[in-house]
Amino acid sequence: MTLDAATTALQWAHAIRHREVSATEVATFYLERAQGAGAALNAFSHLAPEDTLAAAERADAMVAAAREPSDLPPFLGVPLPIKNLNPVKGWPCTYGSRGASRAPRECSDPIVERLESAGFVLSGMTNSPEFGTISFTESEAHGTTHNPWNPAHTPGGSSGGAGAAVAAGLAPLAHGSDGGGSIRIPGTCNGLVGHQPSRALVPNEVV
C-alpha cells in the first residue's frame, strides 16, 4: 500500500488490520511529516516519537498474533494526536498555559484511555490556546499555530492545532473538544468536517 496523506483513518485501519501496511510504517510516515515541513505550522505542542513508535510496534504485534482481523480493535495502529487539554500518561499537559507544570502526567484522561482501547496510536499533543478559552490558537506557552491553507491566517480554535494537523496531512484525524465552537470553528477554518458529540456523553476527569 502506498503511504499517502490523503488516506483516511478508516482506510488506514482496514489496511493495517489486513496486513497491507504496518502500523510502524504509518506512524513513521506521519511523524516525519510532523517533524519536517509541517513543523512550521506549530500544530503540535508535544511530540514523543519513541512513545509513538513503541505503541505502533505493539499494534503490529497484535496484528501478527490475531487469528482474524475482526478480533482486533477497530482503529488499531491508526495515528491520533490528542488536544493539549486532556492529559496523556507520561506526557506533559499544559492546557496551553505557561503557569501549568510540564511534568509528565501520572494518568490519562478517561477519553484518552477509551481512544487507546479502540486501538489508536497516540501521535502527540496538538496546540490549544490557554485553557481553550478563545477561538484562535495562540498562547505564550506554545506560540501561534498557522493555517496550512494560508499561514498568515488562523486555523481557528480552540482545537486549532488539531485542525491544522489534519488539514496539513500530519495526522489522518485528530481529537478535539468543543464547548462553544472549539471543534466547529477549526473545522470551518481548515476545510474539514468536525464532529461535536452531544453534551454529557463524553467522560471528562475533573482535576
N, C-alpha and C. Protein backbone atom coordinates (compact mmCIF):
# COMPACT_ATOMS: atom_id res chain seq x y z
N MET A 1 0.84 -1.20 0.00
CA MET A 1 0.00 0.00 0.00
C MET A 1 0.88 1.25 0.00
N THR A 2 0.52 2.23 -0.81
CA THR A 2 1.26 3.48 -0.88
C THR A 2 0.95 4.35 0.34
N LEU A 3 1.99 4.91 0.94
CA LEU A 3 1.80 5.82 2.06
C LEU A 3 1.41 7.19 1.51
N ASP A 4 0.19 7.62 1.82
CA ASP A 4 -0.37 8.83 1.24
C ASP A 4 -1.15 9.58 2.31
N ALA A 5 -0.88 10.87 2.47
CA ALA A 5 -1.56 11.67 3.49
C ALA A 5 -3.04 11.84 3.21
N ALA A 6 -3.49 11.53 1.99
CA ALA A 6 -4.91 11.63 1.67
C ALA A 6 -5.69 10.40 2.14
N THR A 7 -4.99 9.38 2.60
CA THR A 7 -5.65 8.17 3.10
C THR A 7 -6.42 8.49 4.38
N THR A 8 -7.65 8.01 4.47
CA THR A 8 -8.48 8.29 5.63
C THR A 8 -8.16 7.34 6.78
N ALA A 9 -8.64 7.69 7.96
CA ALA A 9 -8.43 6.84 9.13
C ALA A 9 -9.06 5.46 8.93
N LEU A 10 -10.23 5.42 8.31
CA LEU A 10 -10.88 4.13 8.06
C LEU A 10 -10.06 3.29 7.08
N GLN A 11 -9.50 3.92 6.07
CA GLN A 11 -8.67 3.19 5.12
C GLN A 11 -7.40 2.67 5.77
N TRP A 12 -6.76 3.49 6.62
CA TRP A 12 -5.58 3.01 7.34
C TRP A 12 -5.95 1.84 8.24
N ALA A 13 -7.07 1.95 8.96
CA ALA A 13 -7.47 0.89 9.87
C ALA A 13 -7.65 -0.42 9.12
N HIS A 14 -8.30 -0.37 7.97
CA HIS A 14 -8.52 -1.58 7.17
C HIS A 14 -7.19 -2.16 6.68
N ALA A 15 -6.32 -1.28 6.19
CA ALA A 15 -5.04 -1.74 5.65
C ALA A 15 -4.16 -2.37 6.72
N ILE A 16 -4.14 -1.77 7.91
CA ILE A 16 -3.32 -2.31 9.00
C ILE A 16 -3.87 -3.66 9.46
N ARG A 17 -5.18 -3.74 9.63
CA ARG A 17 -5.80 -4.98 10.10
C ARG A 17 -5.60 -6.13 9.11
N HIS A 18 -5.52 -5.79 7.82
CA HIS A 18 -5.37 -6.81 6.78
C HIS A 18 -3.93 -6.94 6.29
N ARG A 19 -2.99 -6.37 7.05
CA ARG A 19 -1.56 -6.54 6.82
C ARG A 19 -1.09 -6.02 5.47
N GLU A 20 -1.75 -4.98 4.99
CA GLU A 20 -1.32 -4.32 3.75
C GLU A 20 -0.24 -3.29 4.02
N VAL A 21 -0.17 -2.84 5.26
CA VAL A 21 0.84 -1.89 5.71
C VAL A 21 0.97 -2.08 7.22
N SER A 22 2.12 -1.77 7.76
CA SER A 22 2.30 -1.93 9.20
C SER A 22 1.99 -0.63 9.93
N ALA A 23 1.58 -0.74 11.17
CA ALA A 23 1.33 0.44 12.00
C ALA A 23 2.61 1.26 12.17
N THR A 24 3.74 0.57 12.23
CA THR A 24 5.02 1.28 12.37
C THR A 24 5.32 2.12 11.14
N GLU A 25 5.03 1.59 9.96
CA GLU A 25 5.24 2.37 8.74
C GLU A 25 4.34 3.61 8.72
N VAL A 26 3.11 3.44 9.12
CA VAL A 26 2.18 4.56 9.12
C VAL A 26 2.59 5.61 10.15
N ALA A 27 2.96 5.17 11.35
CA ALA A 27 3.39 6.10 12.39
C ALA A 27 4.63 6.87 11.96
N THR A 28 5.59 6.17 11.36
CA THR A 28 6.81 6.82 10.89
C THR A 28 6.51 7.85 9.82
N PHE A 29 5.61 7.52 8.92
CA PHE A 29 5.21 8.42 7.84
C PHE A 29 4.68 9.74 8.40
N TYR A 30 3.78 9.67 9.37
CA TYR A 30 3.19 10.90 9.91
C TYR A 30 4.17 11.65 10.82
N LEU A 31 4.99 10.93 11.56
CA LEU A 31 6.00 11.60 12.38
C LEU A 31 6.97 12.40 11.51
N GLU A 32 7.38 11.83 10.41
CA GLU A 32 8.30 12.54 9.52
C GLU A 32 7.65 13.79 8.94
N ARG A 33 6.36 13.72 8.65
CA ARG A 33 5.66 14.90 8.14
C ARG A 33 5.54 15.96 9.23
N ALA A 34 5.24 15.53 10.44
CA ALA A 34 5.07 16.49 11.54
C ALA A 34 6.39 17.15 11.92
N GLN A 35 7.48 16.40 11.84
CA GLN A 35 8.79 16.93 12.20
C GLN A 35 9.48 17.64 11.04
N GLY A 36 8.97 17.45 9.82
CA GLY A 36 9.56 18.06 8.64
C GLY A 36 8.89 19.37 8.29
N ALA A 37 8.32 19.44 7.08
CA ALA A 37 7.72 20.69 6.61
C ALA A 37 6.55 21.13 7.49
N GLY A 38 5.86 20.17 8.09
CA GLY A 38 4.71 20.51 8.93
C GLY A 38 5.06 21.22 10.21
N ALA A 39 6.32 21.17 10.62
CA ALA A 39 6.72 21.78 11.89
C ALA A 39 6.49 23.29 11.88
N ALA A 40 6.58 23.92 10.70
CA ALA A 40 6.41 25.37 10.61
C ALA A 40 5.01 25.82 10.98
N LEU A 41 4.04 24.93 10.93
CA LEU A 41 2.66 25.28 11.28
C LEU A 41 2.46 25.37 12.79
N ASN A 42 3.35 24.75 13.55
CA ASN A 42 3.25 24.73 15.02
C ASN A 42 1.91 24.13 15.46
N ALA A 43 1.51 23.04 14.82
CA ALA A 43 0.26 22.38 15.18
C ALA A 43 0.37 21.56 16.46
N PHE A 44 1.60 21.12 16.77
CA PHE A 44 1.81 20.25 17.93
C PHE A 44 2.50 21.02 19.06
N SER A 45 2.02 20.79 20.26
CA SER A 45 2.71 21.32 21.44
C SER A 45 3.66 20.28 22.02
N HIS A 46 3.49 19.01 21.62
CA HIS A 46 4.36 17.95 22.14
C HIS A 46 4.36 16.78 21.17
N LEU A 47 5.55 16.31 20.85
CA LEU A 47 5.74 15.08 20.08
C LEU A 47 6.61 14.14 20.90
N ALA A 48 6.30 12.86 20.83
CA ALA A 48 7.07 11.85 21.55
C ALA A 48 7.31 10.67 20.61
N PRO A 49 8.24 10.82 19.67
CA PRO A 49 8.43 9.78 18.64
C PRO A 49 8.69 8.39 19.20
N GLU A 50 9.48 8.31 20.26
CA GLU A 50 9.78 6.98 20.81
C GLU A 50 8.52 6.31 21.35
N ASP A 51 7.69 7.07 22.07
CA ASP A 51 6.45 6.50 22.60
C ASP A 51 5.50 6.11 21.47
N THR A 52 5.41 6.97 20.46
CA THR A 52 4.52 6.69 19.33
C THR A 52 4.95 5.43 18.59
N LEU A 53 6.23 5.30 18.32
CA LEU A 53 6.71 4.12 17.60
C LEU A 53 6.60 2.85 18.44
N ALA A 54 6.77 2.99 19.75
CA ALA A 54 6.61 1.82 20.63
C ALA A 54 5.16 1.34 20.61
N ALA A 55 4.22 2.28 20.62
CA ALA A 55 2.81 1.92 20.56
C ALA A 55 2.48 1.28 19.21
N ALA A 56 3.07 1.80 18.13
CA ALA A 56 2.85 1.22 16.81
C ALA A 56 3.40 -0.20 16.74
N GLU A 57 4.55 -0.43 17.34
CA GLU A 57 5.13 -1.78 17.36
C GLU A 57 4.23 -2.74 18.13
N ARG A 58 3.61 -2.27 19.22
CA ARG A 58 2.67 -3.12 19.96
C ARG A 58 1.46 -3.45 19.10
N ALA A 59 1.01 -2.48 18.32
CA ALA A 59 -0.11 -2.73 17.42
C ALA A 59 0.25 -3.78 16.37
N ASP A 60 1.46 -3.68 15.83
CA ASP A 60 1.90 -4.67 14.84
C ASP A 60 1.97 -6.07 15.46
N ALA A 61 2.39 -6.16 16.70
CA ALA A 61 2.44 -7.46 17.37
C ALA A 61 1.04 -8.04 17.55
N MET A 62 0.07 -7.17 17.83
CA MET A 62 -1.31 -7.63 17.95
C MET A 62 -1.85 -8.14 16.62
N VAL A 63 -1.51 -7.44 15.54
CA VAL A 63 -1.94 -7.90 14.20
C VAL A 63 -1.33 -9.27 13.90
N ALA A 64 -0.05 -9.42 14.21
CA ALA A 64 0.63 -10.69 13.94
C ALA A 64 0.04 -11.85 14.74
N ALA A 65 -0.44 -11.55 15.92
CA ALA A 65 -0.96 -12.61 16.80
C ALA A 65 -2.44 -12.91 16.57
N ALA A 66 -3.14 -12.02 15.86
CA ALA A 66 -4.59 -12.18 15.70
C ALA A 66 -4.93 -13.31 14.73
N ARG A 67 -5.97 -14.05 15.04
CA ARG A 67 -6.42 -15.11 14.15
C ARG A 67 -7.24 -14.53 13.00
N GLU A 68 -8.03 -13.49 13.30
CA GLU A 68 -8.87 -12.84 12.29
C GLU A 68 -8.79 -11.33 12.47
N PRO A 69 -8.87 -10.55 11.39
CA PRO A 69 -8.89 -9.09 11.52
C PRO A 69 -10.00 -8.59 12.42
N SER A 70 -11.11 -9.29 12.44
CA SER A 70 -12.26 -8.88 13.25
C SER A 70 -11.99 -9.02 14.74
N ASP A 71 -10.92 -9.73 15.11
CA ASP A 71 -10.57 -9.88 16.53
C ASP A 71 -9.87 -8.64 17.08
N LEU A 72 -9.48 -7.74 16.21
CA LEU A 72 -8.67 -6.59 16.61
C LEU A 72 -9.51 -5.36 16.89
N PRO A 73 -9.01 -4.42 17.71
CA PRO A 73 -9.71 -3.16 17.93
C PRO A 73 -9.95 -2.45 16.61
N PRO A 74 -11.03 -1.68 16.49
CA PRO A 74 -11.43 -1.12 15.19
C PRO A 74 -10.43 -0.16 14.55
N PHE A 75 -9.68 0.59 15.36
CA PHE A 75 -8.74 1.57 14.80
C PHE A 75 -7.30 1.22 15.17
N LEU A 76 -7.01 -0.06 15.27
CA LEU A 76 -5.68 -0.48 15.68
C LEU A 76 -4.61 0.09 14.75
N GLY A 77 -3.64 0.80 15.35
CA GLY A 77 -2.50 1.29 14.61
C GLY A 77 -2.68 2.64 13.94
N VAL A 78 -3.88 3.22 14.01
CA VAL A 78 -4.12 4.50 13.33
C VAL A 78 -3.61 5.64 14.21
N PRO A 79 -2.75 6.52 13.69
CA PRO A 79 -2.22 7.63 14.50
C PRO A 79 -3.31 8.64 14.85
N LEU A 80 -3.25 9.15 16.08
CA LEU A 80 -4.23 10.13 16.55
C LEU A 80 -3.57 11.06 17.56
N PRO A 81 -3.46 12.35 17.25
CA PRO A 81 -2.98 13.29 18.26
C PRO A 81 -4.09 13.71 19.21
N ILE A 82 -3.72 14.04 20.43
CA ILE A 82 -4.66 14.45 21.48
C ILE A 82 -4.50 15.95 21.73
N LYS A 83 -5.61 16.64 21.88
CA LYS A 83 -5.59 18.07 22.17
C LYS A 83 -4.96 18.32 23.54
N ASN A 84 -4.20 19.39 23.64
CA ASN A 84 -3.47 19.70 24.86
C ASN A 84 -4.38 20.28 25.96
N LEU A 85 -5.52 19.66 26.13
CA LEU A 85 -6.42 19.93 27.25
C LEU A 85 -6.79 18.65 27.99
N ASN A 86 -6.33 17.51 27.45
CA ASN A 86 -6.66 16.21 28.03
C ASN A 86 -5.38 15.45 28.31
N PRO A 87 -5.08 15.17 29.58
CA PRO A 87 -3.80 14.54 29.93
C PRO A 87 -3.60 13.16 29.31
N VAL A 88 -2.36 12.91 28.94
CA VAL A 88 -1.90 11.61 28.49
C VAL A 88 -0.82 11.15 29.44
N LYS A 89 -0.94 9.96 29.97
CA LYS A 89 0.04 9.44 30.93
C LYS A 89 1.44 9.48 30.33
N GLY A 90 2.39 10.07 31.09
CA GLY A 90 3.77 10.13 30.67
C GLY A 90 4.13 11.33 29.83
N TRP A 91 3.13 12.13 29.44
CA TRP A 91 3.37 13.32 28.62
C TRP A 91 2.98 14.56 29.40
N PRO A 92 3.58 15.72 29.10
CA PRO A 92 3.14 16.96 29.73
C PRO A 92 1.79 17.40 29.16
N CYS A 93 0.96 17.99 29.98
CA CYS A 93 -0.30 18.59 29.53
C CYS A 93 -0.39 19.96 30.19
N THR A 94 -0.22 21.00 29.40
CA THR A 94 -0.12 22.35 29.96
C THR A 94 -1.40 23.16 29.82
N TYR A 95 -2.39 22.62 29.12
CA TYR A 95 -3.63 23.38 28.86
C TYR A 95 -3.32 24.71 28.17
N GLY A 96 -2.22 24.75 27.44
CA GLY A 96 -1.83 25.95 26.74
C GLY A 96 -1.36 27.09 27.62
N SER A 97 -1.03 26.80 28.87
CA SER A 97 -0.71 27.86 29.84
C SER A 97 0.74 27.78 30.31
N ARG A 98 1.38 28.91 30.39
CA ARG A 98 2.74 28.97 30.95
C ARG A 98 2.75 28.63 32.43
N GLY A 99 1.62 28.80 33.08
CA GLY A 99 1.56 28.54 34.52
C GLY A 99 1.39 27.08 34.88
N ALA A 100 1.15 26.22 33.90
CA ALA A 100 0.94 24.80 34.18
C ALA A 100 2.27 24.05 34.21
N SER A 101 2.33 23.03 35.03
CA SER A 101 3.53 22.20 35.10
C SER A 101 3.72 21.42 33.80
N ARG A 102 4.99 21.27 33.43
CA ARG A 102 5.32 20.46 32.26
C ARG A 102 5.79 19.07 32.66
N ALA A 103 5.59 18.74 33.91
CA ALA A 103 5.96 17.40 34.37
C ALA A 103 5.06 16.36 33.70
N PRO A 104 5.58 15.17 33.41
CA PRO A 104 4.75 14.12 32.82
C PRO A 104 3.57 13.79 33.71
N ARG A 105 2.42 13.60 33.11
CA ARG A 105 1.21 13.27 33.86
C ARG A 105 1.25 11.82 34.35
N GLU A 106 0.67 11.60 35.50
CA GLU A 106 0.69 10.26 36.09
C GLU A 106 -0.43 9.37 35.58
N CYS A 107 -1.44 9.96 34.96
CA CYS A 107 -2.54 9.15 34.43
C CYS A 107 -3.16 9.87 33.24
N SER A 108 -3.89 9.13 32.44
CA SER A 108 -4.55 9.68 31.27
C SER A 108 -6.00 10.03 31.57
N ASP A 109 -6.51 11.00 30.84
CA ASP A 109 -7.93 11.34 30.91
C ASP A 109 -8.76 10.13 30.45
N PRO A 110 -9.96 9.92 30.98
CA PRO A 110 -10.78 8.77 30.56
C PRO A 110 -11.00 8.69 29.06
N ILE A 111 -11.20 9.83 28.38
CA ILE A 111 -11.43 9.76 26.93
C ILE A 111 -10.17 9.31 26.21
N VAL A 112 -9.01 9.66 26.73
CA VAL A 112 -7.76 9.19 26.13
C VAL A 112 -7.65 7.68 26.27
N GLU A 113 -7.99 7.17 27.44
CA GLU A 113 -7.95 5.73 27.66
C GLU A 113 -8.89 5.00 26.71
N ARG A 114 -10.06 5.58 26.46
CA ARG A 114 -11.02 4.94 25.56
C ARG A 114 -10.52 4.96 24.12
N LEU A 115 -9.87 6.04 23.72
CA LEU A 115 -9.32 6.10 22.37
C LEU A 115 -8.20 5.07 22.20
N GLU A 116 -7.38 4.92 23.22
CA GLU A 116 -6.32 3.90 23.16
C GLU A 116 -6.92 2.50 23.11
N SER A 117 -7.99 2.28 23.84
CA SER A 117 -8.61 0.95 23.83
C SER A 117 -9.23 0.64 22.47
N ALA A 118 -9.57 1.67 21.70
CA ALA A 118 -10.07 1.47 20.34
C ALA A 118 -8.95 1.17 19.36
N GLY A 119 -7.70 1.24 19.84
CA GLY A 119 -6.56 0.86 19.02
C GLY A 119 -5.73 2.00 18.49
N PHE A 120 -6.16 3.24 18.70
CA PHE A 120 -5.40 4.37 18.17
C PHE A 120 -3.99 4.43 18.77
N VAL A 121 -3.05 4.84 17.94
CA VAL A 121 -1.67 5.11 18.38
C VAL A 121 -1.56 6.61 18.61
N LEU A 122 -1.33 7.02 19.84
CA LEU A 122 -1.25 8.44 20.15
C LEU A 122 0.02 9.03 19.53
N SER A 123 -0.15 10.10 18.75
CA SER A 123 0.97 10.62 17.97
C SER A 123 1.44 12.00 18.40
N GLY A 124 0.97 12.49 19.55
CA GLY A 124 1.41 13.79 20.05
C GLY A 124 0.27 14.56 20.66
N MET A 125 0.59 15.78 21.10
CA MET A 125 -0.40 16.69 21.68
C MET A 125 -0.51 17.90 20.76
N THR A 126 -1.74 18.27 20.39
CA THR A 126 -1.91 19.41 19.49
C THR A 126 -2.11 20.70 20.27
N ASN A 127 -1.70 21.79 19.64
CA ASN A 127 -1.70 23.09 20.28
C ASN A 127 -3.12 23.61 20.53
N SER A 128 -3.25 24.35 21.62
CA SER A 128 -4.52 24.94 22.01
C SER A 128 -4.24 26.28 22.68
N PRO A 129 -5.14 27.25 22.57
CA PRO A 129 -4.95 28.48 23.34
C PRO A 129 -5.10 28.18 24.84
N GLU A 130 -4.69 29.10 25.66
CA GLU A 130 -4.69 28.89 27.10
C GLU A 130 -6.07 28.50 27.59
N PHE A 131 -6.15 27.27 28.15
CA PHE A 131 -7.39 26.70 28.70
C PHE A 131 -8.51 26.62 27.67
N GLY A 132 -8.19 26.72 26.40
CA GLY A 132 -9.19 26.57 25.34
C GLY A 132 -10.25 27.65 25.33
N THR A 133 -9.89 28.85 25.76
CA THR A 133 -10.91 29.88 26.01
C THR A 133 -11.19 30.79 24.83
N ILE A 134 -10.37 30.77 23.77
CA ILE A 134 -10.58 31.68 22.66
C ILE A 134 -10.65 30.92 21.34
N SER A 135 -11.14 31.58 20.30
CA SER A 135 -11.41 30.90 19.03
C SER A 135 -10.27 31.01 18.02
N PHE A 136 -9.06 31.30 18.49
CA PHE A 136 -7.87 31.21 17.66
C PHE A 136 -6.78 30.57 18.52
N THR A 137 -5.78 29.97 17.87
CA THR A 137 -4.82 29.15 18.61
C THR A 137 -3.49 29.86 18.74
N GLU A 138 -3.40 30.64 19.82
CA GLU A 138 -2.18 31.35 20.17
C GLU A 138 -2.03 31.31 21.68
N SER A 139 -0.81 31.12 22.15
CA SER A 139 -0.57 31.15 23.59
C SER A 139 0.87 31.51 23.85
N GLU A 140 1.12 32.07 25.03
CA GLU A 140 2.50 32.36 25.42
C GLU A 140 3.28 31.07 25.69
N ALA A 141 2.56 30.02 26.01
CA ALA A 141 3.23 28.75 26.32
C ALA A 141 3.78 28.06 25.07
N HIS A 142 3.01 28.08 23.99
CA HIS A 142 3.38 27.28 22.82
C HIS A 142 3.34 28.05 21.51
N GLY A 143 3.10 29.35 21.55
CA GLY A 143 3.16 30.14 20.34
C GLY A 143 1.91 30.06 19.48
N THR A 144 2.04 30.50 18.24
CA THR A 144 0.92 30.62 17.31
C THR A 144 0.88 29.44 16.35
N THR A 145 -0.29 28.87 16.18
CA THR A 145 -0.50 27.83 15.17
C THR A 145 -1.03 28.49 13.90
N HIS A 146 -0.51 28.04 12.75
CA HIS A 146 -0.85 28.66 11.47
C HIS A 146 -1.77 27.77 10.65
N ASN A 147 -2.58 28.42 9.83
CA ASN A 147 -3.49 27.69 8.94
C ASN A 147 -2.70 27.15 7.76
N PRO A 148 -2.79 25.84 7.46
CA PRO A 148 -1.99 25.29 6.36
C PRO A 148 -2.38 25.81 4.98
N TRP A 149 -3.60 26.31 4.84
CA TRP A 149 -4.02 26.86 3.56
C TRP A 149 -3.42 28.25 3.32
N ASN A 150 -3.20 28.97 4.40
CA ASN A 150 -2.57 30.29 4.35
C ASN A 150 -1.97 30.56 5.72
N PRO A 151 -0.65 30.42 5.86
CA PRO A 151 -0.01 30.55 7.17
C PRO A 151 -0.23 31.91 7.84
N ALA A 152 -0.66 32.90 7.08
CA ALA A 152 -0.94 34.21 7.68
C ALA A 152 -2.30 34.24 8.37
N HIS A 153 -3.09 33.19 8.18
CA HIS A 153 -4.42 33.12 8.76
C HIS A 153 -4.45 32.14 9.94
N THR A 154 -5.46 32.27 10.75
CA THR A 154 -5.62 31.36 11.90
C THR A 154 -6.29 30.06 11.48
N PRO A 155 -5.97 28.96 12.14
CA PRO A 155 -6.72 27.72 11.94
C PRO A 155 -7.95 27.65 12.83
N GLY A 156 -8.25 28.75 13.53
CA GLY A 156 -9.36 28.75 14.47
C GLY A 156 -8.95 28.15 15.80
N GLY A 157 -9.93 27.99 16.66
CA GLY A 157 -9.67 27.43 17.98
C GLY A 157 -10.96 27.05 18.67
N SER A 158 -10.87 26.35 19.76
CA SER A 158 -9.59 26.14 20.40
C SER A 158 -8.85 24.89 19.94
N SER A 159 -9.52 24.05 19.13
CA SER A 159 -8.85 22.85 18.60
C SER A 159 -8.11 23.19 17.31
N GLY A 160 -7.42 24.34 17.31
CA GLY A 160 -6.74 24.78 16.10
C GLY A 160 -5.56 23.93 15.72
N GLY A 161 -4.81 23.44 16.70
CA GLY A 161 -3.70 22.54 16.39
C GLY A 161 -4.20 21.26 15.75
N ALA A 162 -5.30 20.75 16.26
CA ALA A 162 -5.90 19.54 15.68
C ALA A 162 -6.33 19.78 14.25
N GLY A 163 -7.02 20.90 14.02
CA GLY A 163 -7.47 21.20 12.67
C GLY A 163 -6.33 21.39 11.69
N ALA A 164 -5.30 22.12 12.11
CA ALA A 164 -4.15 22.35 11.24
C ALA A 164 -3.43 21.04 10.94
N ALA A 165 -3.31 20.17 11.93
CA ALA A 165 -2.61 18.90 11.73
C ALA A 165 -3.32 18.04 10.69
N VAL A 166 -4.63 17.96 10.77
CA VAL A 166 -5.37 17.13 9.82
C VAL A 166 -5.35 17.76 8.43
N ALA A 167 -5.58 19.07 8.34
CA ALA A 167 -5.62 19.74 7.04
C ALA A 167 -4.27 19.67 6.33
N ALA A 168 -3.18 19.65 7.09
CA ALA A 168 -1.84 19.59 6.50
C ALA A 168 -1.36 18.16 6.26
N GLY A 169 -2.16 17.17 6.62
CA GLY A 169 -1.74 15.79 6.43
C GLY A 169 -0.70 15.33 7.42
N LEU A 170 -0.74 15.92 8.63
CA LEU A 170 0.18 15.49 9.69
C LEU A 170 -0.46 14.41 10.56
N ALA A 171 -1.74 14.16 10.35
CA ALA A 171 -2.49 13.13 11.05
C ALA A 171 -3.73 12.85 10.21
N PRO A 172 -4.23 11.60 10.20
CA PRO A 172 -5.43 11.31 9.42
C PRO A 172 -6.71 11.84 10.06
N LEU A 173 -6.69 12.02 11.34
CA LEU A 173 -7.76 12.63 12.12
C LEU A 173 -7.16 13.06 13.44
N ALA A 174 -7.91 13.84 14.23
CA ALA A 174 -7.37 14.33 15.49
C ALA A 174 -8.48 14.47 16.52
N HIS A 175 -8.09 14.30 17.77
CA HIS A 175 -9.02 14.52 18.88
C HIS A 175 -9.19 16.02 19.11
N GLY A 176 -10.40 16.42 19.46
CA GLY A 176 -10.67 17.81 19.81
C GLY A 176 -11.75 17.86 20.88
N SER A 177 -12.09 19.05 21.31
CA SER A 177 -13.17 19.23 22.28
C SER A 177 -13.89 20.53 21.94
N ASP A 178 -15.17 20.61 22.31
CA ASP A 178 -15.99 21.73 21.86
C ASP A 178 -17.06 22.05 22.89
N GLY A 179 -16.93 23.24 23.50
CA GLY A 179 -17.97 23.71 24.40
C GLY A 179 -18.69 24.92 23.84
N GLY A 180 -18.09 25.57 22.84
CA GLY A 180 -18.70 26.75 22.26
C GLY A 180 -18.24 27.01 20.84
N GLY A 181 -17.84 25.96 20.15
CA GLY A 181 -17.37 26.08 18.77
C GLY A 181 -15.96 25.63 18.56
N SER A 182 -15.34 25.05 19.57
CA SER A 182 -13.90 24.75 19.52
C SER A 182 -13.51 23.63 18.58
N ILE A 183 -14.46 22.83 18.11
CA ILE A 183 -14.24 21.89 17.02
C ILE A 183 -14.80 22.47 15.72
N ARG A 184 -15.98 23.05 15.82
CA ARG A 184 -16.67 23.54 14.62
C ARG A 184 -15.94 24.71 13.95
N ILE A 185 -15.36 25.60 14.74
CA ILE A 185 -14.63 26.73 14.16
C ILE A 185 -13.38 26.26 13.42
N PRO A 186 -12.50 25.44 14.02
CA PRO A 186 -11.36 24.93 13.26
C PRO A 186 -11.77 24.10 12.05
N GLY A 187 -12.88 23.36 12.18
CA GLY A 187 -13.36 22.61 11.02
C GLY A 187 -13.64 23.53 9.85
N THR A 188 -14.31 24.64 10.12
CA THR A 188 -14.61 25.61 9.08
C THR A 188 -13.35 26.28 8.55
N CYS A 189 -12.48 26.71 9.44
CA CYS A 189 -11.27 27.43 9.03
C CYS A 189 -10.33 26.57 8.19
N ASN A 190 -10.34 25.26 8.43
CA ASN A 190 -9.39 24.38 7.76
C ASN A 190 -10.02 23.52 6.67
N GLY A 191 -11.30 23.75 6.37
CA GLY A 191 -11.96 22.99 5.32
C GLY A 191 -12.17 21.54 5.67
N LEU A 192 -12.51 21.26 6.94
CA LEU A 192 -12.67 19.90 7.42
C LEU A 192 -14.07 19.66 7.98
N VAL A 193 -14.37 18.41 8.22
CA VAL A 193 -15.58 18.05 8.97
C VAL A 193 -15.18 17.87 10.43
N GLY A 194 -15.80 18.63 11.31
CA GLY A 194 -15.55 18.50 12.74
C GLY A 194 -16.80 18.03 13.45
N HIS A 195 -16.70 16.98 14.22
CA HIS A 195 -17.86 16.39 14.88
C HIS A 195 -17.88 16.76 16.36
N GLN A 196 -18.94 17.44 16.78
CA GLN A 196 -19.13 17.75 18.20
C GLN A 196 -20.11 16.75 18.80
N PRO A 197 -19.66 15.88 19.70
CA PRO A 197 -20.58 14.94 20.34
C PRO A 197 -21.63 15.67 21.19
N SER A 198 -22.73 15.01 21.43
CA SER A 198 -23.76 15.57 22.31
C SER A 198 -23.19 15.80 23.70
N ARG A 199 -23.67 16.82 24.34
CA ARG A 199 -23.18 17.16 25.68
C ARG A 199 -23.46 16.03 26.66
N ALA A 200 -22.56 15.87 27.60
CA ALA A 200 -22.68 14.91 28.70
C ALA A 200 -22.50 13.45 28.26
N LEU A 201 -22.06 13.21 27.03
CA LEU A 201 -21.82 11.84 26.58
C LEU A 201 -20.35 11.46 26.63
N VAL A 202 -19.46 12.44 26.63
CA VAL A 202 -18.02 12.17 26.66
C VAL A 202 -17.51 12.36 28.07
N PRO A 203 -16.89 11.34 28.67
CA PRO A 203 -16.40 11.48 30.05
C PRO A 203 -15.24 12.44 30.14
N ASN A 204 -15.14 13.11 31.26
CA ASN A 204 -14.05 14.05 31.49
C ASN A 204 -13.68 14.03 32.94
N GLU A 205 -12.41 13.84 33.22
CA GLU A 205 -11.93 13.79 34.60
C GLU A 205 -11.68 15.21 35.11
N VAL A 206 -12.22 15.53 36.25
CA VAL A 206 -12.01 16.84 36.85
C VAL A 206 -10.77 16.77 37.72
N VAL A 207 -9.77 17.63 37.42
CA VAL A 207 -8.51 17.61 38.20
C VAL A 207 -8.28 18.97 38.80
